[in-house]
């Protein structure tokens, strides 16, 4: 994209209206962070298209009824960002019930150390900011691959997800939205929506899955937060080091032609 010439209203009220759009959250029984990233304005006067790209949490939890609820969206591709261990222990998107192209792109080698998280004494946002840098170091090439998959219109509609739909998913969503020119304040707010979704999942688990609820009960609070400063700090670090988000993405194999393709099918006239 060229230089942005149009101002985008990013007042708290305007952002809240964007987040609360009736097409944003896809209501499901066992998955609570399945969201459309459409409808976000960009600095050149366009907006992200609806029903093209979704972000989500643990799709292995989908019930048969949830699977049927997703059929109208005609998903073609699922990108699972979790570790191999997570897939082995908990399962995956039900590809036997819903035919999709499945990509496993593990952004981290292993899930984060609980003891380290329990012992963290600093700001919650700083813990996650550091972990996101680790993600870039370990799995940046997979983030690049995910963006290249997203750039191919033939792969859509696409949903990408991890366990909570917050950290790995939030990082990929932030790179995609920022690279497309969505204003930072909206990117931060989109990221922060995962905190409420996490609360819904924890309440759901208390009723439906006591074992799942027990795992949440012992989880350090720092791992459950989605403070916007986490992603804000990371994007600022990327820009300080690389100049722009697209400049960084070039280092992970996302080139101009990929962004042109992403703009072509993921942006529309506002």
Protein backbone atom coordinates (compact mmCIF):
# COMPACT_ATOMS: atom_id res chain seq x y z
CA UNK A 1 0.00 0.00 0.00
CA UNK A 2 1.13 3.50 -0.62
CA UNK A 3 1.14 6.32 1.87
CA UNK A 4 -2.11 6.62 3.73
CA UNK A 5 -3.99 9.83 2.98
CA UNK A 6 -7.27 9.33 4.79
CA UNK A 7 -7.77 9.65 8.52
CA UNK A 8 -9.52 6.76 10.22
CA UNK A 9 -11.68 7.48 13.24
CA UNK A 10 -10.23 5.52 16.13
CA UNK A 11 -12.16 6.98 19.03
CA UNK A 12 -13.06 4.46 21.75
CA UNK A 13 -16.72 4.65 20.69
CA UNK A 14 -15.90 4.01 17.03
CA UNK A 15 -13.65 1.07 17.88
CA UNK A 16 -16.25 -0.40 20.23
CA UNK A 17 -18.80 -0.23 17.43
CA UNK A 18 -16.42 -2.09 15.11
CA UNK A 19 -15.77 -4.82 17.66
CA UNK A 20 -19.46 -5.21 18.50
CA UNK A 21 -20.53 -5.63 14.87
CA UNK A 22 -23.11 -8.45 14.73
CA UNK A 23 -21.02 -10.37 12.17
CA UNK A 24 -17.86 -10.26 14.29
CA UNK A 25 -18.24 -13.08 16.80
CA UNK A 26 -19.42 -16.48 15.57
CA UNK A 27 -21.47 -17.94 18.39
CA UNK A 28 -20.60 -21.57 19.08
CA UNK A 29 -21.13 -23.84 22.07
CA UNK A 30 -17.61 -25.06 22.83
CA UNK A 31 -15.42 -22.47 21.05
CA UNK A 32 -15.69 -18.89 22.27
CA UNK A 33 -13.13 -16.87 20.31
CA UNK A 34 -14.13 -17.62 16.72
CA UNK A 35 -14.14 -14.20 15.09
CA UNK A 36 -14.31 -12.64 11.64
CA UNK A 37 -11.62 -10.01 11.05
CA UNK A 38 -13.72 -8.22 8.43
CA UNK A 39 -15.01 -4.67 8.61
CA UNK A 40 -11.85 -2.99 9.89
CA UNK A 41 -10.98 0.26 8.09
CA UNK A 42 -7.58 0.86 6.56
CA UNK A 43 -5.66 4.08 6.17
CA UNK A 44 -6.33 4.31 2.42
CA UNK A 45 -10.12 4.32 2.75
CA UNK A 46 -10.82 0.63 2.31
CA UNK A 47 -11.79 -2.01 4.84
CA UNK A 48 -11.12 -5.68 5.46
CA UNK A 49 -13.63 -7.94 3.75
CA UNK A 50 -16.12 -10.02 5.69
CA UNK A 51 -16.29 -13.82 5.61
CA UNK A 52 -12.81 -14.26 4.15
CA UNK A 53 -10.55 -14.76 7.20
CA UNK A 54 -11.42 -15.90 10.70
CA UNK A 55 -9.35 -16.23 13.87
CA UNK A 56 -10.25 -18.73 16.58
CA UNK A 57 -9.34 -20.68 19.67
CA UNK A 58 -9.25 -24.47 20.15
CA UNK A 59 -11.16 -25.90 17.22
CA UNK A 60 -10.54 -29.41 18.52
CA UNK A 61 -13.39 -28.66 20.98
CA UNK A 62 -16.01 -28.19 18.26
CA UNK A 63 -19.15 -30.20 18.93
CA UNK A 64 -21.10 -31.80 16.06
CA UNK A 65 -23.57 -28.94 16.37
CA UNK A 66 -20.73 -26.41 16.16
CA UNK A 67 -19.47 -28.09 13.00
CA UNK A 68 -22.90 -27.74 11.42
CA UNK A 69 -23.05 -24.09 12.51
CA UNK A 70 -19.81 -23.45 10.60
CA UNK A 71 -20.93 -25.03 7.31
CA UNK A 72 -22.55 -21.85 5.93
CA UNK A 73 -19.12 -20.16 6.08
CA UNK A 74 -17.76 -22.71 3.58
CA UNK A 75 -14.32 -22.90 5.16
CA UNK A 76 -11.66 -24.22 2.82
CA UNK A 77 -8.51 -23.97 4.93
CA UNK A 78 -7.58 -24.41 8.59
CA UNK A 79 -4.21 -23.23 9.91
CA UNK A 80 -3.39 -24.76 13.30
CA UNK A 81 -0.60 -22.88 15.10
CA UNK A 82 -0.30 -25.22 18.10
CA UNK A 83 2.55 -27.57 18.95
CA UNK A 84 2.69 -31.20 17.83
CA UNK A 85 2.23 -32.22 21.45
CA UNK A 86 -0.98 -30.21 21.72
CA UNK A 87 -2.33 -31.81 18.56
CA UNK A 88 -1.45 -35.27 19.80
CA UNK A 89 -2.98 -34.75 23.24
CA UNK A 90 -6.12 -32.81 22.34
CA UNK A 91 -6.90 -33.43 18.69
CA UNK A 92 -7.53 -31.10 15.78
CA UNK A 93 -10.24 -29.54 13.68
CA UNK A 94 -12.61 -32.40 12.71
CA UNK A 95 -11.39 -32.84 9.14
CA UNK A 96 -13.32 -36.12 8.91
CA UNK A 97 -16.57 -34.20 9.36
CA UNK A 98 -15.74 -30.99 7.50
CA UNK A 99 -13.50 -31.26 4.47
CA UNK A 100 -10.78 -28.60 4.59
CA UNK A 101 -7.13 -28.19 3.66
CA UNK A 102 -5.33 -28.56 6.98
CA UNK A 103 -1.99 -26.87 7.71
CA UNK A 104 -0.06 -27.45 10.92
CA UNK A 105 2.40 -24.59 11.53
CA UNK A 106 3.79 -24.78 15.06
CA UNK A 107 4.85 -21.26 16.05
CA UNK A 108 6.61 -22.42 19.21
CA UNK A 109 8.52 -25.61 20.01
CA UNK A 110 6.72 -26.21 23.29
CA UNK A 111 4.10 -24.50 25.42
CA UNK A 112 5.35 -21.95 27.93
CA UNK A 113 6.81 -22.94 31.28
CA UNK A 114 4.22 -22.63 34.04
CA UNK A 115 6.81 -22.11 36.78
CA UNK A 116 8.36 -19.21 34.89
CA UNK A 117 4.92 -17.64 34.49
CA UNK A 118 4.06 -18.15 38.16
CA UNK A 119 7.37 -16.54 39.18
CA UNK A 120 6.99 -13.48 36.91
CA UNK A 121 7.06 -10.29 39.00
CA UNK A 122 6.83 -7.65 36.29
CA UNK A 123 3.94 -6.26 34.30
CA UNK A 124 1.70 -8.87 32.68
CA UNK A 125 1.98 -7.15 29.31
CA UNK A 126 5.77 -7.33 29.42
CA UNK A 127 5.76 -11.08 29.99
CA UNK A 128 3.73 -11.67 26.85
CA UNK A 129 5.71 -9.09 24.89
CA UNK A 130 8.86 -11.08 25.61
CA UNK A 131 7.15 -14.33 24.68
CA UNK A 132 5.96 -12.88 21.39
CA UNK A 133 9.54 -12.01 20.52
CA UNK A 134 10.42 -15.63 21.22
CA UNK A 135 7.64 -16.67 18.84
CA UNK A 136 9.14 -14.50 16.12
CA UNK A 137 12.55 -16.04 16.71
CA UNK A 138 11.36 -19.64 16.79
CA UNK A 139 8.45 -19.59 14.40
CA UNK A 140 8.71 -16.49 12.27
CA UNK A 141 9.11 -18.60 9.14
CA UNK A 142 5.83 -20.34 9.96
CA UNK A 143 4.11 -16.98 10.39
CA UNK A 144 5.43 -16.11 6.95
CA UNK A 145 4.06 -19.36 5.56
CA UNK A 146 0.68 -18.64 7.12
CA UNK A 147 0.57 -15.19 5.52
CA UNK A 148 1.47 -16.70 2.16
CA UNK A 149 -1.37 -19.23 2.53
CA UNK A 150 -3.71 -16.37 3.35
CA UNK A 151 -2.52 -14.48 0.27
CA UNK A 152 -3.85 -17.19 -2.06
CA UNK A 153 -7.52 -16.41 -2.67
CA UNK A 154 -8.10 -20.02 -3.65
CA UNK A 155 -7.45 -21.07 -0.06
CA UNK A 156 -10.27 -18.99 1.38
CA UNK A 157 -12.24 -18.75 3.47
CA UNK A 158 -9.50 -19.48 6.02
CA UNK A 159 -9.51 -19.82 9.79
CA UNK A 160 -6.27 -19.77 11.79
CA UNK A 161 -6.18 -20.72 15.44
CA UNK A 162 -4.19 -21.91 18.45
CA UNK A 163 -5.42 -23.02 21.89
CA UNK A 164 -6.94 -19.84 23.33
CA UNK A 165 -6.91 -17.84 20.10
CA UNK A 166 -4.97 -15.16 21.95
CA UNK A 167 -1.19 -15.36 21.64
CA UNK A 168 -0.09 -17.26 18.54
CA UNK A 169 -3.32 -16.39 16.79
CA UNK A 170 -3.14 -12.81 18.05
CA UNK A 171 0.38 -12.38 16.71
CA UNK A 172 -0.56 -13.60 13.23
CA UNK A 173 -3.69 -11.45 13.23
CA UNK A 174 -1.68 -8.38 14.25
CA UNK A 175 0.87 -8.87 11.47
CA UNK A 176 -1.88 -9.39 8.91
CA UNK A 177 -4.04 -6.45 9.96
CA UNK A 178 -1.11 -4.08 10.47
CA UNK A 179 0.39 -5.07 7.13
CA UNK A 180 -2.92 -4.31 5.45
CA UNK A 181 -2.99 -0.83 6.97
CA UNK A 182 -5.50 -1.24 9.79
CA UNK A 183 -4.75 1.45 12.40
CA UNK A 184 -2.84 0.34 15.46
CA UNK A 185 -5.60 1.19 17.92
CA UNK A 186 -7.95 -1.19 16.13
CA UNK A 187 -5.29 -3.92 15.99
CA UNK A 188 -4.74 -3.58 19.73
CA UNK A 189 -8.49 -3.72 20.41
CA UNK A 190 -8.94 -6.77 18.21
CA UNK A 191 -6.17 -8.49 20.17
CA UNK A 192 -7.70 -7.52 23.53
CA UNK A 193 -11.06 -9.11 22.67
CA UNK A 194 -9.49 -12.46 23.53
CA UNK A 195 -9.53 -11.68 27.25
CA UNK A 196 -13.33 -11.69 27.38
CA UNK A 197 -13.41 -14.83 25.24
CA UNK A 198 -11.08 -16.52 27.70
CA UNK A 199 -13.42 -15.64 30.55
CA UNK A 200 -16.32 -17.21 28.64
CA UNK A 201 -14.30 -20.38 28.08
CA UNK A 202 -13.42 -20.64 31.77
CA UNK A 203 -17.08 -20.25 32.78
CA UNK A 204 -18.11 -22.81 30.15
CA UNK A 205 -15.50 -25.26 31.42
CA UNK A 206 -16.83 -25.09 34.98
CA UNK A 207 -20.14 -26.47 33.73
CA UNK A 208 -19.09 -28.76 30.88
CA UNK A 209 -15.55 -29.93 31.55
CA UNK A 210 -14.31 -30.04 35.17
CA UNK A 211 -10.90 -31.32 34.06
CA UNK A 212 -10.52 -28.37 31.69
CA UNK A 213 -11.70 -26.01 34.44
CA UNK A 214 -9.10 -27.42 36.83
CA UNK A 215 -6.36 -26.69 34.31
CA UNK A 216 -7.55 -23.10 34.11
CA UNK A 217 -7.69 -22.84 37.91
CA UNK A 218 -3.97 -23.60 38.20
CA UNK A 219 -2.91 -21.41 35.28
CA UNK A 220 -0.90 -18.26 36.13
CA UNK A 221 -2.94 -15.08 35.53
CA UNK A 222 -0.16 -13.69 33.34
CA UNK A 223 -0.92 -16.39 30.76
CA UNK A 224 -4.60 -15.51 30.61
CA UNK A 225 -4.27 -11.79 30.08
CA UNK A 226 -4.67 -10.05 26.74
CA UNK A 227 -3.59 -6.54 27.66
CA UNK A 228 -3.29 -4.41 24.52
CA UNK A 229 0.13 -3.18 25.66
CA UNK A 230 1.51 -6.65 24.90
CA UNK A 231 0.88 -6.43 21.17
CA UNK A 232 1.43 -2.66 21.18
CA UNK A 233 4.94 -3.12 22.57
CA UNK A 234 5.76 -5.89 20.15
CA UNK A 235 4.69 -3.95 17.06
CA UNK A 236 6.65 -0.94 18.28
CA UNK A 237 9.74 -3.15 18.68
CA UNK A 238 9.32 -4.55 15.18
CA UNK A 239 9.05 -1.09 13.69
CA UNK A 240 12.05 0.16 15.63
CA UNK A 241 14.16 -2.70 14.29
CA UNK A 242 12.78 -3.11 10.77
CA UNK A 243 10.99 0.13 9.89
CA UNK A 244 7.54 -1.23 9.00
CA UNK A 245 5.56 -4.39 9.58
CA UNK A 246 5.89 -5.24 5.91
CA UNK A 247 9.65 -4.75 6.10
CA UNK A 248 9.75 -7.29 8.91
CA UNK A 249 7.50 -9.68 7.02
CA UNK A 250 9.92 -9.55 4.10
CA UNK A 251 12.43 -11.30 6.38
CA UNK A 252 10.00 -14.21 6.81
CA UNK A 253 9.27 -14.60 3.14
CA UNK A 254 6.26 -12.36 2.63
CA UNK A 255 7.04 -10.24 -0.41
CA UNK A 256 5.32 -7.41 -2.24
CA UNK A 257 3.37 -9.78 -4.49
CA UNK A 258 1.92 -11.51 -1.43
CA UNK A 259 0.73 -8.21 0.03
CA UNK A 260 -0.70 -7.22 -3.35
CA UNK A 261 -2.63 -10.48 -3.41
CA UNK A 262 -3.77 -10.00 0.19
CA UNK A 263 -5.01 -6.51 -0.63
CA UNK A 264 -6.72 -7.74 -3.77
CA UNK A 265 -9.01 -10.22 -2.06
CA UNK A 266 -9.06 -9.13 1.58
CA UNK A 267 -9.68 -5.41 1.14
CA UNK A 268 -12.79 -3.79 -0.30
CA UNK A 269 -14.19 -0.30 -0.81
CA UNK A 270 -15.56 1.06 2.44
